[in-house]
Protein backbone atom coordinates (compact mmCIF):
# COMPACT_ATOMS: atom_id res chain seq x y z
CA UNK A 1 -2.82 50.03 304.32
CA UNK A 2 -0.59 46.71 305.40
CA UNK A 3 1.44 44.94 302.40
CA UNK A 4 0.76 41.83 302.20
CA UNK A 5 3.09 40.79 299.10
CA UNK A 6 4.57 37.70 300.00
CA UNK A 7 1.65 36.09 301.88
CA UNK A 8 -0.73 33.28 300.77
CA UNK A 9 -4.18 33.53 301.59
CA UNK A 10 -7.06 31.26 301.95
CA UNK A 11 -10.71 32.35 302.13
CA UNK A 12 -14.02 30.06 302.35
CA UNK A 13 -17.57 31.21 300.87
CA UNK A 14 -15.50 33.40 298.45
CA UNK A 15 -18.11 33.35 295.74
CA UNK A 16 -20.11 36.66 296.94
CA UNK A 17 -21.09 38.38 300.29
CA UNK A 18 -18.47 38.27 303.30
CA UNK A 19 -16.03 35.96 301.56
CA UNK A 20 -15.59 37.57 298.47
CA UNK A 21 -15.50 41.24 300.04
CA UNK A 22 -12.39 39.77 302.22
CA UNK A 23 -11.30 37.89 299.71
CA UNK A 24 -11.02 41.31 297.77
CA UNK A 25 -9.55 43.09 300.33
CA UNK A 26 -6.45 40.57 300.72
CA UNK A 27 -5.78 40.53 296.90
CA UNK A 28 -5.77 44.73 297.14
CA UNK A 29 -3.03 44.42 299.89
CA UNK A 30 -0.72 42.46 297.69
CA UNK A 31 -1.64 38.60 298.96
CA UNK A 32 -1.80 35.67 296.74
CA UNK A 33 -5.32 33.93 297.46
CA UNK A 34 -6.75 31.06 297.09
CA UNK A 35 -10.57 31.36 297.26
CA UNK A 36 -13.16 28.62 297.64
CA UNK A 37 -17.11 28.35 297.16
CA UNK A 38 -19.74 26.03 295.97
CA UNK A 39 -19.63 27.39 292.63
CA UNK A 40 -16.96 27.54 290.26
CA UNK A 41 -18.64 30.34 287.97
CA UNK A 42 -18.66 32.74 291.15
CA UNK A 43 -14.79 31.66 291.68
CA UNK A 44 -13.94 32.46 288.06
CA UNK A 45 -15.31 35.64 288.39
CA UNK A 46 -13.36 36.52 291.27
CA UNK A 47 -10.28 34.98 289.97
CA UNK A 48 -10.74 37.24 286.35
CA UNK A 49 -11.05 40.79 288.95
CA UNK A 50 -8.33 39.59 290.94
CA UNK A 51 -6.28 39.16 287.72
CA UNK A 52 -7.56 42.51 286.45
CA UNK A 53 -6.76 44.23 289.52
CA UNK A 54 -2.72 43.23 288.86
CA UNK A 55 -3.62 40.31 291.94
CA UNK A 56 -3.40 36.47 292.30
CA UNK A 57 -6.12 34.26 292.61
CA UNK A 58 -6.80 30.91 292.75
CA UNK A 59 -10.40 29.19 292.67
CA UNK A 60 -11.45 25.84 294.27
CA UNK A 61 -15.13 25.22 293.49
CA UNK A 62 -15.77 22.87 297.13
CA UNK A 63 -19.15 22.56 298.53
CA UNK A 64 -17.77 20.77 301.34
CA UNK A 65 -15.15 23.35 302.03
CA UNK A 66 -18.15 26.15 301.92
CA UNK A 67 -20.50 24.02 303.97
CA UNK A 68 -17.44 23.07 306.81
CA UNK A 69 -19.56 23.77 310.22
CA UNK A 70 -18.09 27.05 311.93
CA UNK A 71 -16.83 24.27 314.69
CA UNK A 72 -14.92 22.30 311.98
CA UNK A 73 -13.13 25.46 311.10
CA UNK A 74 -12.25 26.44 313.90
CA UNK A 75 -10.81 22.96 314.87
CA UNK A 76 -9.07 23.10 311.90
CA UNK A 77 -7.81 26.66 312.32
CA UNK A 78 -6.40 25.23 315.49
CA UNK A 79 -4.68 22.29 314.53
CA UNK A 80 -2.96 23.61 311.59
CA UNK A 81 -1.80 26.73 313.96
CA UNK A 82 -0.09 24.27 315.82
CA UNK A 83 1.49 22.19 313.10
CA UNK A 84 2.25 25.45 310.53
CA UNK A 85 3.82 27.54 313.58
CA UNK A 86 7.32 26.06 314.04
CA UNK A 87 7.67 27.15 309.77
CA UNK A 88 6.41 31.00 310.43
CA UNK A 89 3.15 30.10 309.19
CA UNK A 90 -0.03 31.89 311.06
CA UNK A 91 -3.60 30.46 310.99
CA UNK A 92 -6.33 32.29 312.78
CA UNK A 93 -10.00 32.90 311.55
CA UNK A 94 -13.01 35.30 311.46
CA UNK A 95 -16.29 34.30 312.49
CA UNK A 96 -18.50 37.10 311.49
CA UNK A 97 -22.11 36.91 312.65
CA UNK A 98 -24.73 38.44 310.66
CA UNK A 99 -23.83 41.13 308.09
CA UNK A 100 -25.60 42.83 305.20
CA UNK A 101 -24.87 41.50 302.20
CA UNK A 102 -26.84 40.72 299.23
CA UNK A 103 -27.34 36.81 300.49
CA UNK A 104 -29.58 37.84 303.04
CA UNK A 105 -31.23 41.15 301.05
CA UNK A 106 -34.58 39.45 300.81
CA UNK A 107 -34.33 39.53 305.01
CA UNK A 108 -33.82 42.67 305.35
CA UNK A 109 -36.36 43.67 303.08
CA UNK A 110 -38.93 42.02 305.88
CA UNK A 111 -39.16 44.60 308.87
CA UNK A 112 -40.32 41.89 310.90
CA UNK A 113 -37.74 39.79 310.12
CA UNK A 114 -35.15 41.90 310.46
CA UNK A 115 -36.10 43.40 314.00
CA UNK A 116 -36.40 39.66 315.03
CA UNK A 117 -32.71 39.11 313.74
CA UNK A 118 -31.64 42.99 315.19
CA UNK A 119 -33.27 42.49 318.55
CA UNK A 120 -30.82 39.23 319.05
CA UNK A 121 -27.40 41.39 318.36
CA UNK A 122 -26.86 43.93 321.58
CA UNK A 123 -25.46 46.38 318.55
CA UNK A 124 -28.80 46.08 317.61
CA UNK A 125 -28.25 45.87 314.04
CA UNK A 126 -26.22 43.86 311.02
CA UNK A 127 -22.56 44.48 310.58
CA UNK A 128 -21.16 46.25 307.06
CA UNK A 129 -18.77 44.22 305.56
CA UNK A 130 -16.22 46.87 305.43
CA UNK A 131 -15.93 46.25 309.17
CA UNK A 132 -14.26 42.69 308.64
CA UNK A 133 -11.62 44.42 306.86
CA UNK A 134 -9.57 46.10 309.12
CA UNK A 135 -9.17 42.89 311.55
CA UNK A 136 -8.99 40.87 308.45
CA UNK A 137 -5.84 42.94 307.26
CA UNK A 138 -4.55 42.48 310.72
CA UNK A 139 -4.40 38.84 311.00
CA UNK A 140 -3.04 38.46 307.33
CA UNK A 141 -0.54 41.36 308.32
CA UNK A 142 3.23 41.20 310.01
CA UNK A 143 1.32 42.71 313.10
CA UNK A 144 0.29 39.53 314.28
CA UNK A 145 2.83 37.24 313.57
CA UNK A 146 3.14 36.23 317.25
CA UNK A 147 -0.51 35.18 316.84
CA UNK A 148 -1.66 32.11 315.96
CA UNK A 149 -4.75 29.75 316.28
CA UNK A 150 -7.36 32.06 317.34
CA UNK A 151 -10.57 32.89 316.33
CA UNK A 152 -11.94 36.31 316.27
CA UNK A 153 -15.82 36.82 316.56
CA UNK A 154 -17.21 40.28 315.07
CA UNK A 155 -20.96 39.98 315.72
CA UNK A 156 -22.04 42.68 317.70
CA UNK A 157 -22.24 40.70 321.08
CA UNK A 158 -24.87 38.21 319.92
CA UNK A 159 -22.71 35.51 320.76
CA UNK A 160 -21.53 36.59 324.03
CA UNK A 161 -25.57 36.56 325.50
């Protein structure tokens, strides 16, 4: 497993779903994690879980951080990558497509709606949250020390259509 002790990560949308899964994976690998989401209650629960697991977490409730457009996150990633690279800090992002999470459980329960969504994905399925973890740990670890300003799209091929 990738050792991220001494590293700091920021995860937006970490109150639940994919963001929470990614934040948990980073804590498990030893990173200090700052999380942002729409509600403080979800973040407080995450911070408590991180501390109970011997990790370090800080929650920042910010609807704006959660709601930032993908284009804004991409621009932020690239700008910060240029500014922080000289300090040995890499800034990269993951742009997930449709992944099965509690947030879209109603959609997945509707056979017609699920079929419509998966027809638009060349892989013909939604991703599983654990499929993001290797990419997340690669980007957060030392194997990507010379990689910065990149956005990794993990969407089963949907964005290349």
